[in-house]
């Protein structure tokens, strides 16, 4: 089982790895859901985690708030992705939507192409989509070589256990074409229950390990 530790900067990463984190999602500013960390932070985390053979997934997100980005914001994301790739991140975490509640296909195609050779996670922007579009998004993202989708399976703030029904539907529909990565409200205390209930081997959270 891979426990992906969602880290704000470098500070808690050594302890998390020591306590069983098998992958790092690297962010800054978790108070707004995570934004792109500085190149200095990415460099140190990639170097440290690399020595322990722990992959690092760097979030590419220019600000908090919604996931509808203008041209300047997309240019920032593109540059940040190129820099993170140069530094040696193993993967990137990203997501872009349109105002009418669908994937921003054009922007995603550019970012996915730029990320060639890296793992790609589509983040919890997925949870903003309505349920019908979530199933369509699984198709689109799987066809465009995205590796996994991070999702809470329900409204922000709801207990992960309340969302098991929908998460199971997503996992069944994905049918191993793309990994459904549950996150949000999963901690070291309930992780075994979540894994057993959903039949998965990857989980995500800020408290996924002690």
N, C-alpha and C. Protein backbone atom coordinates (compact mmCIF):
# COMPACT_ATOMS: atom_id res chain seq x y z
N UNK A 1 0.84 -1.21 0.00
CA UNK A 1 0.00 0.00 0.00
C UNK A 1 0.87 1.25 0.00
N UNK A 2 0.53 2.22 -0.83
CA UNK A 2 1.26 3.49 -0.87
C UNK A 2 0.48 4.53 -0.09
N UNK A 3 1.11 5.05 0.96
CA UNK A 3 0.54 6.16 1.71
C UNK A 3 1.19 7.44 1.19
N UNK A 4 0.41 8.25 0.46
CA UNK A 4 0.94 9.51 -0.08
C UNK A 4 0.73 10.61 0.96
N UNK A 5 1.83 11.14 1.45
CA UNK A 5 1.79 12.20 2.47
C UNK A 5 1.74 13.56 1.79
N UNK A 6 0.69 14.31 2.09
CA UNK A 6 0.54 15.66 1.54
C UNK A 6 1.31 16.62 2.44
N UNK A 7 2.40 17.16 1.93
CA UNK A 7 3.35 17.93 2.73
C UNK A 7 3.31 19.41 2.38
N UNK A 8 3.32 20.23 3.41
CA UNK A 8 3.49 21.66 3.22
C UNK A 8 4.96 21.98 3.44
N UNK A 9 5.68 22.21 2.35
CA UNK A 9 7.12 22.48 2.41
C UNK A 9 7.91 21.27 2.93
N UNK A 10 9.13 21.50 3.36
CA UNK A 10 10.05 20.41 3.69
C UNK A 10 9.86 19.86 5.11
N UNK A 11 9.37 20.72 6.01
CA UNK A 11 9.49 20.53 7.45
C UNK A 11 9.20 19.13 7.96
N UNK A 12 8.03 18.56 7.63
CA UNK A 12 7.61 17.28 8.22
C UNK A 12 7.95 16.07 7.36
N UNK A 13 8.62 16.30 6.24
CA UNK A 13 8.85 15.19 5.31
C UNK A 13 9.78 14.11 5.88
N UNK A 14 10.90 14.47 6.54
CA UNK A 14 11.75 13.40 7.10
C UNK A 14 11.00 12.50 8.08
N UNK A 15 10.19 13.09 8.95
CA UNK A 15 9.41 12.30 9.91
C UNK A 15 8.38 11.44 9.19
N UNK A 16 7.71 12.01 8.21
CA UNK A 16 6.68 11.27 7.47
C UNK A 16 7.28 10.05 6.76
N UNK A 17 8.41 10.23 6.13
CA UNK A 17 9.06 9.11 5.43
C UNK A 17 9.48 8.04 6.44
N UNK A 18 10.03 8.50 7.55
CA UNK A 18 10.45 7.57 8.61
C UNK A 18 9.26 6.74 9.11
N UNK A 19 8.09 7.35 9.11
CA UNK A 19 6.89 6.70 9.65
C UNK A 19 6.03 6.01 8.59
N UNK A 20 6.58 5.88 7.39
CA UNK A 20 5.90 5.02 6.41
C UNK A 20 5.32 5.68 5.18
N UNK A 21 5.54 6.98 4.98
CA UNK A 21 5.06 7.61 3.74
C UNK A 21 5.81 7.01 2.55
N UNK A 22 5.03 6.57 1.55
CA UNK A 22 5.65 5.95 0.38
C UNK A 22 5.70 6.86 -0.83
N UNK A 23 5.07 8.01 -0.72
CA UNK A 23 5.12 9.02 -1.78
C UNK A 23 4.78 10.36 -1.13
N UNK A 24 5.32 11.43 -1.71
CA UNK A 24 5.08 12.78 -1.20
C UNK A 24 4.31 13.58 -2.24
N UNK A 25 3.21 14.24 -1.80
CA UNK A 25 2.65 15.32 -2.62
C UNK A 25 3.14 16.61 -1.99
N UNK A 26 3.91 17.37 -2.75
CA UNK A 26 4.57 18.56 -2.21
C UNK A 26 3.80 19.83 -2.58
N UNK A 27 3.42 20.60 -1.54
CA UNK A 27 2.64 21.82 -1.71
C UNK A 27 3.26 22.94 -0.88
N UNK A 28 2.77 24.13 -1.12
CA UNK A 28 2.90 25.24 -0.20
C UNK A 28 1.46 25.63 0.17
N UNK A 29 1.30 26.36 1.25
CA UNK A 29 0.02 27.02 1.57
C UNK A 29 -1.19 26.07 1.57
N UNK A 30 -1.13 25.07 2.42
CA UNK A 30 -2.25 24.12 2.50
C UNK A 30 -3.53 24.76 3.01
N UNK A 31 -3.42 25.92 3.64
CA UNK A 31 -4.62 26.63 4.13
C UNK A 31 -5.59 26.92 2.99
N UNK A 32 -5.09 27.06 1.76
CA UNK A 32 -5.97 27.28 0.60
C UNK A 32 -6.05 26.04 -0.29
N UNK A 33 -5.60 24.90 0.25
CA UNK A 33 -5.67 23.66 -0.51
C UNK A 33 -4.41 23.30 -1.26
N UNK A 34 -3.34 24.11 -1.07
CA UNK A 34 -2.06 23.80 -1.70
C UNK A 34 -1.80 24.61 -2.95
N UNK A 35 -0.62 25.24 -2.99
CA UNK A 35 -0.16 25.95 -4.18
C UNK A 35 1.27 25.51 -4.48
N UNK A 36 1.79 25.93 -5.62
CA UNK A 36 3.12 25.51 -6.06
C UNK A 36 4.19 25.94 -5.05
N UNK A 37 5.02 25.00 -4.59
CA UNK A 37 6.11 25.37 -3.69
C UNK A 37 7.25 26.06 -4.46
N UNK A 38 8.14 26.69 -3.73
CA UNK A 38 9.27 27.37 -4.37
C UNK A 38 10.24 26.35 -4.97
N UNK A 39 11.06 26.81 -5.91
CA UNK A 39 12.04 25.91 -6.53
C UNK A 39 13.04 25.41 -5.49
N UNK A 40 13.38 26.25 -4.51
CA UNK A 40 14.30 25.82 -3.45
C UNK A 40 13.73 24.65 -2.66
N UNK A 41 12.46 24.75 -2.33
CA UNK A 41 11.80 23.68 -1.58
C UNK A 41 11.74 22.40 -2.42
N UNK A 42 11.35 22.54 -3.68
CA UNK A 42 11.27 21.36 -4.55
C UNK A 42 12.64 20.67 -4.63
N UNK A 43 13.68 21.47 -4.80
CA UNK A 43 15.05 20.94 -4.93
C UNK A 43 15.44 20.11 -3.70
N UNK A 44 15.21 20.67 -2.51
CA UNK A 44 15.61 19.98 -1.27
C UNK A 44 14.78 18.73 -1.04
N UNK A 45 13.49 18.80 -1.31
CA UNK A 45 12.62 17.63 -1.10
C UNK A 45 12.97 16.52 -2.09
N UNK A 46 13.18 16.87 -3.34
CA UNK A 46 13.52 15.88 -4.36
C UNK A 46 14.85 15.20 -3.99
N UNK A 47 15.82 16.00 -3.52
CA UNK A 47 17.12 15.43 -3.13
C UNK A 47 16.98 14.49 -1.94
N UNK A 48 16.25 14.94 -0.92
CA UNK A 48 16.10 14.15 0.31
C UNK A 48 15.29 12.88 0.05
N UNK A 49 14.13 13.04 -0.58
CA UNK A 49 13.26 11.89 -0.83
C UNK A 49 13.90 10.92 -1.82
N UNK A 50 14.63 11.48 -2.80
CA UNK A 50 15.30 10.65 -3.79
C UNK A 50 16.29 9.68 -3.16
N UNK A 51 17.00 10.15 -2.13
CA UNK A 51 17.95 9.28 -1.41
C UNK A 51 17.25 8.10 -0.76
N UNK A 52 15.98 8.30 -0.42
CA UNK A 52 15.20 7.24 0.24
C UNK A 52 14.32 6.48 -0.76
N UNK A 53 14.49 6.78 -2.06
CA UNK A 53 13.68 6.18 -3.14
C UNK A 53 12.18 6.43 -2.96
N UNK A 54 11.84 7.64 -2.49
CA UNK A 54 10.44 8.03 -2.31
C UNK A 54 10.08 9.04 -3.41
N UNK A 55 9.09 8.73 -4.26
CA UNK A 55 8.71 9.66 -5.33
C UNK A 55 8.08 10.95 -4.78
N UNK A 56 8.30 12.04 -5.51
CA UNK A 56 7.75 13.34 -5.14
C UNK A 56 6.84 13.84 -6.25
N UNK A 57 5.60 14.17 -5.87
CA UNK A 57 4.62 14.74 -6.79
C UNK A 57 4.44 16.21 -6.40
N UNK A 58 4.81 17.12 -7.29
CA UNK A 58 4.77 18.55 -6.99
C UNK A 58 3.48 19.17 -7.53
N UNK A 59 2.75 19.86 -6.67
CA UNK A 59 1.52 20.50 -7.13
C UNK A 59 1.86 21.72 -7.99
N UNK A 60 1.13 21.88 -9.08
CA UNK A 60 1.27 23.04 -9.97
C UNK A 60 -0.06 23.78 -9.90
N UNK A 61 -0.10 24.76 -9.02
CA UNK A 61 -1.34 25.53 -8.80
C UNK A 61 -0.96 26.95 -8.40
N UNK A 62 -1.34 27.94 -9.19
CA UNK A 62 -0.81 29.29 -8.99
C UNK A 62 -1.44 30.07 -7.84
N UNK A 63 -2.59 29.59 -7.35
CA UNK A 63 -3.31 30.33 -6.29
C UNK A 63 -4.38 29.42 -5.71
N UNK A 64 -4.94 29.86 -4.56
CA UNK A 64 -6.12 29.18 -4.02
C UNK A 64 -7.35 29.59 -4.80
N UNK A 65 -8.50 29.14 -4.31
CA UNK A 65 -9.75 29.52 -4.98
C UNK A 65 -10.16 28.49 -6.01
N UNK A 66 -10.82 28.95 -7.07
CA UNK A 66 -11.36 28.01 -8.06
C UNK A 66 -10.25 27.49 -8.98
N UNK A 67 -10.64 26.69 -9.96
CA UNK A 67 -9.67 26.05 -10.85
C UNK A 67 -9.84 26.53 -12.29
N UNK A 68 -10.42 27.73 -12.42
CA UNK A 68 -10.62 28.34 -13.74
C UNK A 68 -9.53 29.39 -13.90
N UNK A 69 -8.59 29.11 -14.79
CA UNK A 69 -7.38 29.95 -14.88
C UNK A 69 -7.37 30.78 -16.15
N UNK A 70 -6.88 32.02 -16.01
CA UNK A 70 -6.73 32.88 -17.19
C UNK A 70 -5.37 32.61 -17.86
N UNK A 71 -5.12 33.31 -18.94
CA UNK A 71 -3.91 33.03 -19.73
C UNK A 71 -2.62 33.27 -18.95
N UNK A 72 -2.61 34.33 -18.12
CA UNK A 72 -1.41 34.62 -17.32
C UNK A 72 -1.16 33.50 -16.31
N UNK A 73 -2.23 33.07 -15.65
CA UNK A 73 -2.10 31.99 -14.66
C UNK A 73 -1.64 30.69 -15.31
N UNK A 74 -2.14 30.41 -16.51
CA UNK A 74 -1.71 29.20 -17.22
C UNK A 74 -0.25 29.29 -17.63
N UNK A 75 0.18 30.49 -18.00
CA UNK A 75 1.59 30.70 -18.35
C UNK A 75 2.48 30.43 -17.12
N UNK A 76 2.02 30.90 -15.95
CA UNK A 76 2.74 30.67 -14.69
C UNK A 76 2.84 29.16 -14.43
N UNK A 77 1.71 28.46 -14.58
CA UNK A 77 1.69 27.01 -14.35
C UNK A 77 2.63 26.28 -15.30
N UNK A 78 2.64 26.71 -16.54
CA UNK A 78 3.49 26.09 -17.55
C UNK A 78 4.96 26.25 -17.18
N UNK A 79 5.35 27.46 -16.78
CA UNK A 79 6.73 27.73 -16.38
C UNK A 79 7.10 26.95 -15.13
N UNK A 80 6.19 26.94 -14.14
CA UNK A 80 6.46 26.20 -12.90
C UNK A 80 6.63 24.71 -13.16
N UNK A 81 5.82 24.18 -14.08
CA UNK A 81 5.92 22.76 -14.41
C UNK A 81 7.28 22.46 -15.06
N UNK A 82 7.70 23.31 -15.97
CA UNK A 82 9.00 23.13 -16.63
C UNK A 82 10.13 23.15 -15.59
N UNK A 83 10.05 24.09 -14.64
CA UNK A 83 11.09 24.20 -13.61
C UNK A 83 11.10 22.97 -12.70
N UNK A 84 9.91 22.54 -12.27
CA UNK A 84 9.82 21.36 -11.39
C UNK A 84 10.39 20.11 -12.10
N UNK A 85 10.11 20.03 -13.40
CA UNK A 85 10.62 18.90 -14.19
C UNK A 85 12.15 18.95 -14.28
N UNK A 86 12.68 20.13 -14.51
CA UNK A 86 14.14 20.31 -14.57
C UNK A 86 14.80 19.89 -13.26
N UNK A 87 14.17 20.25 -12.14
CA UNK A 87 14.73 19.96 -10.82
C UNK A 87 14.71 18.46 -10.53
N UNK A 88 13.78 17.75 -11.16
CA UNK A 88 13.78 16.31 -11.01
C UNK A 88 12.59 15.74 -10.27
N UNK A 89 11.49 16.51 -10.17
CA UNK A 89 10.29 15.96 -9.55
C UNK A 89 9.84 14.70 -10.32
N UNK A 90 9.29 13.75 -9.60
CA UNK A 90 8.86 12.50 -10.23
C UNK A 90 7.51 12.65 -10.92
N UNK A 91 6.75 13.64 -10.45
CA UNK A 91 5.43 13.83 -11.03
C UNK A 91 4.87 15.19 -10.67
N UNK A 92 3.72 15.50 -11.25
CA UNK A 92 3.05 16.77 -10.98
C UNK A 92 1.57 16.51 -10.69
N UNK A 93 0.99 17.44 -9.94
CA UNK A 93 -0.41 17.36 -9.54
C UNK A 93 -1.08 18.63 -10.06
N UNK A 94 -2.09 18.51 -10.88
CA UNK A 94 -2.67 19.70 -11.50
C UNK A 94 -4.13 19.47 -11.85
N UNK A 95 -4.79 20.54 -12.26
CA UNK A 95 -6.18 20.46 -12.68
C UNK A 95 -6.67 21.82 -13.15
N UNK A 96 -7.41 21.83 -14.24
CA UNK A 96 -7.98 23.08 -14.80
C UNK A 96 -9.41 22.78 -15.26
N UNK A 97 -10.30 23.72 -14.94
CA UNK A 97 -11.70 23.56 -15.32
C UNK A 97 -12.17 24.76 -16.14
N UNK A 98 -13.32 24.59 -16.80
CA UNK A 98 -13.95 25.70 -17.52
C UNK A 98 -15.09 26.24 -16.67
N UNK A 99 -15.56 27.43 -17.04
CA UNK A 99 -16.65 28.07 -16.27
C UNK A 99 -17.94 27.25 -16.30
N UNK A 100 -18.12 26.46 -17.34
CA UNK A 100 -19.36 25.68 -17.43
C UNK A 100 -19.22 24.29 -16.80
N UNK A 101 -18.16 24.09 -16.01
CA UNK A 101 -18.08 22.87 -15.22
C UNK A 101 -17.55 21.65 -15.93
N UNK A 102 -16.62 21.85 -16.84
CA UNK A 102 -15.97 20.72 -17.52
C UNK A 102 -14.46 20.91 -17.44
N UNK A 103 -13.72 19.89 -17.86
CA UNK A 103 -12.26 20.00 -17.91
C UNK A 103 -11.86 21.06 -18.93
N UNK A 104 -10.85 21.87 -18.60
CA UNK A 104 -10.29 22.81 -19.57
C UNK A 104 -9.33 22.00 -20.45
N UNK A 105 -9.90 21.39 -21.49
CA UNK A 105 -9.15 20.41 -22.29
C UNK A 105 -7.90 21.02 -22.93
N UNK A 106 -8.05 22.22 -23.48
CA UNK A 106 -6.93 22.86 -24.19
C UNK A 106 -5.75 23.09 -23.23
N UNK A 107 -6.05 23.65 -22.06
CA UNK A 107 -4.98 23.92 -21.08
C UNK A 107 -4.37 22.62 -20.57
N UNK A 108 -5.22 21.65 -20.30
CA UNK A 108 -4.72 20.37 -19.80
C UNK A 108 -3.84 19.67 -20.83
N UNK A 109 -4.22 19.74 -22.10
CA UNK A 109 -3.40 19.11 -23.13
C UNK A 109 -2.00 19.71 -23.18
N UNK A 110 -1.92 21.04 -23.04
CA UNK A 110 -0.61 21.70 -23.03
C UNK A 110 0.22 21.25 -21.82
N UNK A 111 -0.40 21.23 -20.64
CA UNK A 111 0.32 20.87 -19.42
C UNK A 111 0.72 19.39 -19.44
N UNK A 112 -0.17 18.54 -19.92
CA UNK A 112 0.14 17.10 -19.99
C UNK A 112 1.30 16.85 -20.95
N UNK A 113 1.27 17.55 -22.08
CA UNK A 113 2.37 17.41 -23.05
C UNK A 113 3.69 17.87 -22.44
N UNK A 114 3.65 18.98 -21.70
CA UNK A 114 4.86 19.52 -21.06
C UNK A 114 5.38 18.56 -19.99
N UNK A 115 4.47 17.83 -19.36
CA UNK A 115 4.83 16.91 -18.27
C UNK A 115 5.25 15.52 -18.78
N UNK A 116 5.43 15.39 -20.07
CA UNK A 116 5.76 14.07 -20.63
C UNK A 116 6.94 13.45 -19.87
N UNK A 117 6.80 12.17 -19.51
CA UNK A 117 7.85 11.49 -18.75
C UNK A 117 7.64 11.52 -17.25
N UNK A 118 6.70 12.35 -16.79
CA UNK A 118 6.38 12.44 -15.36
C UNK A 118 5.05 11.74 -15.08
N UNK A 119 4.87 11.33 -13.84
CA UNK A 119 3.54 10.89 -13.40
C UNK A 119 2.65 12.14 -13.31
N UNK A 120 1.37 11.96 -13.59
CA UNK A 120 0.44 13.09 -13.51
C UNK A 120 -0.77 12.68 -12.65
N UNK A 121 -1.06 13.50 -11.65
CA UNK A 121 -2.28 13.34 -10.85
C UNK A 121 -3.20 14.52 -11.14
N UNK A 122 -4.46 14.24 -11.42
CA UNK A 122 -5.47 15.30 -11.52
C UNK A 122 -6.03 15.47 -10.11
N UNK A 123 -5.94 16.69 -9.57
CA UNK A 123 -6.27 16.90 -8.15
C UNK A 123 -7.76 17.09 -7.90
N UNK A 124 -8.10 17.56 -6.70
CA UNK A 124 -9.50 17.59 -6.26
C UNK A 124 -10.37 18.61 -6.99
N UNK A 125 -9.83 19.26 -8.01
CA UNK A 125 -10.72 19.99 -8.93
C UNK A 125 -11.77 19.02 -9.47
N UNK A 126 -11.42 17.74 -9.50
CA UNK A 126 -12.34 16.68 -9.95
C UNK A 126 -13.65 16.72 -9.17
N UNK A 127 -13.56 17.04 -7.88
CA UNK A 127 -14.75 17.01 -7.02
C UNK A 127 -15.71 18.17 -7.30
N UNK A 128 -15.25 19.16 -8.06
CA UNK A 128 -16.13 20.29 -8.44
C UNK A 128 -17.07 19.87 -9.57
N UNK A 129 -16.66 18.88 -10.35
CA UNK A 129 -17.49 18.41 -11.47
C UNK A 129 -18.76 17.73 -10.95
N UNK A 130 -19.85 17.85 -11.70
CA UNK A 130 -21.04 17.08 -11.31
C UNK A 130 -20.78 15.59 -11.57
N UNK A 131 -21.62 14.75 -10.99
CA UNK A 131 -21.33 13.31 -11.02
C UNK A 131 -21.27 12.75 -12.44
N UNK A 132 -22.17 13.22 -13.30
CA UNK A 132 -22.17 12.74 -14.69
C UNK A 132 -20.84 13.08 -15.37
N UNK A 133 -20.37 14.32 -15.15
CA UNK A 133 -19.11 14.74 -15.76
C UNK A 133 -17.90 14.06 -15.13
N UNK A 134 -18.02 13.61 -13.88
CA UNK A 134 -16.90 12.89 -13.26
C UNK A 134 -16.61 11.61 -14.03
N UNK A 135 -17.65 10.88 -14.43
CA UNK A 135 -17.43 9.65 -15.18
C UNK A 135 -16.84 9.95 -16.57
N UNK A 136 -17.34 11.01 -17.20
CA UNK A 136 -16.78 11.42 -18.49
C UNK A 136 -15.32 11.87 -18.34
N UNK A 137 -15.02 12.54 -17.21
CA UNK A 137 -13.65 13.01 -16.96
C UNK A 137 -12.70 11.83 -16.78
N UNK A 138 -13.17 10.77 -16.13
CA UNK A 138 -12.33 9.57 -16.00
C UNK A 138 -11.92 9.08 -17.39
N UNK A 139 -12.88 9.03 -18.32
CA UNK A 139 -12.58 8.60 -19.70
C UNK A 139 -11.53 9.50 -20.32
N UNK A 140 -11.76 10.82 -20.24
CA UNK A 140 -10.87 11.79 -20.91
C UNK A 140 -9.46 11.72 -20.31
N UNK A 141 -9.38 11.71 -18.99
CA UNK A 141 -8.06 11.73 -18.33
C UNK A 141 -7.31 10.42 -18.58
N UNK A 142 -8.02 9.30 -18.57
CA UNK A 142 -7.37 8.01 -18.85
C UNK A 142 -6.83 7.98 -20.29
N UNK A 143 -7.61 8.53 -21.21
CA UNK A 143 -7.18 8.56 -22.63
C UNK A 143 -5.98 9.47 -22.83
N UNK A 144 -5.81 10.46 -21.94
CA UNK A 144 -4.70 11.41 -22.08
C UNK A 144 -3.53 11.07 -21.14
N UNK A 145 -3.45 9.82 -20.75
CA UNK A 145 -2.29 9.30 -20.00
C UNK A 145 -2.07 9.95 -18.64
N UNK A 146 -3.15 10.43 -18.02
CA UNK A 146 -3.07 10.87 -16.63
C UNK A 146 -3.07 9.61 -15.76
N UNK A 147 -2.23 9.58 -14.74
CA UNK A 147 -2.02 8.34 -13.98
C UNK A 147 -3.06 8.13 -12.89
N UNK A 148 -3.49 9.23 -12.24
CA UNK A 148 -4.43 9.05 -11.13
C UNK A 148 -5.28 10.31 -10.93
N UNK A 149 -6.40 10.11 -10.24
CA UNK A 149 -7.30 11.20 -9.89
C UNK A 149 -7.44 11.21 -8.37
N UNK A 150 -7.12 12.36 -7.77
CA UNK A 150 -7.29 12.54 -6.33
C UNK A 150 -8.70 13.05 -6.07
N UNK A 151 -9.44 12.32 -5.25
CA UNK A 151 -10.84 12.71 -5.01
C UNK A 151 -11.27 12.36 -3.59
N UNK A 152 -12.15 13.20 -3.05
CA UNK A 152 -12.75 12.95 -1.75
C UNK A 152 -14.05 12.15 -1.91
N UNK A 153 -14.56 12.14 -3.12
CA UNK A 153 -15.76 11.37 -3.40
C UNK A 153 -17.06 12.02 -2.96
N UNK A 154 -16.97 13.25 -2.49
CA UNK A 154 -18.17 13.94 -2.01
C UNK A 154 -17.84 15.36 -1.61
N UNK A 155 -18.77 16.08 -1.00
CA UNK A 155 -18.55 17.48 -0.65
C UNK A 155 -17.39 17.65 0.33
N UNK A 156 -16.64 18.75 0.16
CA UNK A 156 -15.54 19.06 1.09
C UNK A 156 -16.10 19.12 2.51
N UNK A 157 -15.38 18.55 3.43
CA UNK A 157 -15.82 18.58 4.82
C UNK A 157 -16.67 17.39 5.23
N UNK A 158 -17.15 16.62 4.24
CA UNK A 158 -17.92 15.41 4.57
C UNK A 158 -16.94 14.31 5.01
N UNK A 159 -17.42 13.40 5.83
CA UNK A 159 -16.57 12.28 6.27
C UNK A 159 -16.30 11.37 5.09
N UNK A 160 -15.05 10.91 4.96
CA UNK A 160 -14.70 10.03 3.84
C UNK A 160 -15.59 8.78 3.85
N UNK A 161 -15.94 8.31 5.03
CA UNK A 161 -16.77 7.10 5.14
C UNK A 161 -18.15 7.30 4.49
N UNK A 162 -18.65 8.53 4.52
CA UNK A 162 -19.96 8.82 3.91
C UNK A 162 -19.91 8.76 2.38
N UNK A 163 -18.69 8.77 1.84
CA UNK A 163 -18.52 8.83 0.39
C UNK A 163 -18.09 7.50 -0.21
N UNK A 164 -18.05 6.45 0.60
CA UNK A 164 -17.57 5.16 0.10
C UNK A 164 -18.39 4.68 -1.11
N UNK A 165 -19.71 4.91 -1.08
CA UNK A 165 -20.56 4.45 -2.17
C UNK A 165 -20.13 5.04 -3.51
N UNK A 166 -19.97 6.36 -3.54
CA UNK A 166 -19.59 7.02 -4.79
C UNK A 166 -18.14 6.68 -5.16
N UNK A 167 -17.25 6.61 -4.19
CA UNK A 167 -15.86 6.25 -4.48
C UNK A 167 -15.79 4.85 -5.12
N UNK A 168 -16.59 3.94 -4.62
CA UNK A 168 -16.61 2.59 -5.22
C UNK A 168 -17.09 2.64 -6.66
N UNK A 169 -18.11 3.47 -6.93
CA UNK A 169 -18.58 3.63 -8.31
C UNK A 169 -17.47 4.15 -9.22
N UNK A 170 -16.72 5.14 -8.73
CA UNK A 170 -15.63 5.72 -9.52
C UNK A 170 -14.53 4.69 -9.77
N UNK A 171 -14.18 3.95 -8.73
CA UNK A 171 -13.12 2.93 -8.84
C UNK A 171 -13.55 1.84 -9.84
N UNK A 172 -14.80 1.40 -9.74
CA UNK A 172 -15.30 0.36 -10.65
C UNK A 172 -15.31 0.87 -12.09
N UNK A 173 -15.76 2.13 -12.26
CA UNK A 173 -15.84 2.69 -13.61
C UNK A 173 -14.44 2.87 -14.21
N UNK A 174 -13.49 3.31 -13.37
CA UNK A 174 -12.11 3.51 -13.86
C UNK A 174 -11.51 2.18 -14.32
N UNK A 175 -11.86 1.10 -13.64
CA UNK A 175 -11.51 -0.27 -14.07
C UNK A 175 -10.02 -0.40 -14.41
N UNK A 176 -9.19 0.14 -13.55
CA UNK A 176 -7.72 0.04 -13.66
C UNK A 176 -7.14 0.83 -14.84
N UNK A 177 -7.98 1.59 -15.56
CA UNK A 177 -7.44 2.46 -16.62
C UNK A 177 -6.70 3.63 -16.02
N UNK A 178 -7.13 4.06 -14.84
CA UNK A 178 -6.55 5.20 -14.14
C UNK A 178 -6.80 4.93 -12.66
N UNK A 179 -5.87 5.36 -11.81
CA UNK A 179 -5.99 5.10 -10.37
C UNK A 179 -6.89 6.15 -9.73
N UNK A 180 -7.87 5.72 -8.97
CA UNK A 180 -8.66 6.63 -8.15
C UNK A 180 -7.98 6.68 -6.77
N UNK A 181 -7.50 7.86 -6.40
CA UNK A 181 -6.73 8.06 -5.17
C UNK A 181 -7.60 8.80 -4.15
N UNK A 182 -8.18 8.10 -3.18
CA UNK A 182 -9.01 8.78 -2.19
C UNK A 182 -8.16 9.65 -1.25
N UNK A 183 -8.71 10.79 -0.89
CA UNK A 183 -8.02 11.70 0.02
C UNK A 183 -9.02 12.61 0.71
N UNK A 184 -8.55 13.29 1.75
CA UNK A 184 -9.43 14.20 2.49
C UNK A 184 -10.10 13.46 3.63
N UNK A 185 -9.59 13.63 4.84
CA UNK A 185 -10.19 12.96 5.99
C UNK A 185 -9.69 11.55 6.21
N UNK A 186 -8.60 11.17 5.52
CA UNK A 186 -7.98 9.87 5.78
C UNK A 186 -6.74 10.11 6.64
N UNK A 187 -6.68 9.42 7.76
CA UNK A 187 -5.56 9.60 8.69
C UNK A 187 -4.99 8.24 9.05
N UNK A 188 -3.92 8.26 9.83
CA UNK A 188 -3.32 7.00 10.27
C UNK A 188 -4.32 6.17 11.08
N UNK A 189 -5.35 6.82 11.62
CA UNK A 189 -6.33 6.12 12.46
C UNK A 189 -7.38 5.34 11.65
N UNK A 190 -7.77 5.87 10.49
CA UNK A 190 -8.82 5.17 9.73
C UNK A 190 -8.34 4.61 8.39
N UNK A 191 -7.04 4.73 8.12
CA UNK A 191 -6.53 4.34 6.80
C UNK A 191 -6.78 2.86 6.49
N UNK A 192 -6.62 2.00 7.47
CA UNK A 192 -6.84 0.56 7.22
C UNK A 192 -8.30 0.29 6.87
N UNK A 193 -9.22 0.97 7.55
CA UNK A 193 -10.65 0.79 7.26
C UNK A 193 -10.98 1.25 5.84
N UNK A 194 -10.39 2.38 5.44
CA UNK A 194 -10.64 2.93 4.09
C UNK A 194 -10.14 1.96 3.03
N UNK A 195 -8.92 1.48 3.22
CA UNK A 195 -8.30 0.56 2.25
C UNK A 195 -9.12 -0.71 2.12
N UNK A 196 -9.56 -1.26 3.25
CA UNK A 196 -10.35 -2.49 3.24
C UNK A 196 -11.71 -2.27 2.57
N UNK A 197 -12.37 -1.16 2.92
CA UNK A 197 -13.71 -0.90 2.38
C UNK A 197 -13.69 -0.69 0.87
N UNK A 198 -12.64 -0.03 0.37
CA UNK A 198 -12.61 0.35 -1.05
C UNK A 198 -11.77 -0.60 -1.90
N UNK A 199 -11.00 -1.48 -1.27
CA UNK A 199 -10.17 -2.41 -2.04
C UNK A 199 -9.11 -1.71 -2.87
N UNK A 200 -8.44 -0.73 -2.27
CA UNK A 200 -7.46 0.09 -2.98
C UNK A 200 -6.07 -0.12 -2.38
N UNK A 201 -5.04 0.38 -3.07
CA UNK A 201 -3.69 0.28 -2.50
C UNK A 201 -2.92 1.60 -2.55
N UNK A 202 -3.66 2.71 -2.76
CA UNK A 202 -3.05 4.05 -2.66
C UNK A 202 -4.02 4.97 -1.91
N UNK A 203 -3.50 5.69 -0.92
CA UNK A 203 -4.30 6.65 -0.16
C UNK A 203 -3.50 7.93 0.08
N UNK A 204 -4.21 9.02 0.34
CA UNK A 204 -3.58 10.35 0.38
C UNK A 204 -4.07 11.11 1.60
N UNK A 205 -3.17 11.86 2.22
CA UNK A 205 -3.62 12.75 3.30
C UNK A 205 -2.49 13.47 4.01
N UNK A 206 -2.85 14.51 4.74
CA UNK A 206 -1.87 15.27 5.52
C UNK A 206 -1.53 14.56 6.83
N UNK A 207 -2.40 13.62 7.22
CA UNK A 207 -2.18 12.89 8.49
C UNK A 207 -2.16 11.38 8.23
N UNK A 208 -1.72 11.02 7.04
CA UNK A 208 -1.78 9.61 6.61
C UNK A 208 -0.81 8.74 7.39
N UNK A 209 0.25 9.37 7.92
CA UNK A 209 1.17 8.68 8.84
C UNK A 209 1.30 9.53 10.09
N UNK A 210 1.74 8.91 11.18
CA UNK A 210 1.90 9.65 12.44
C UNK A 210 2.94 10.75 12.27
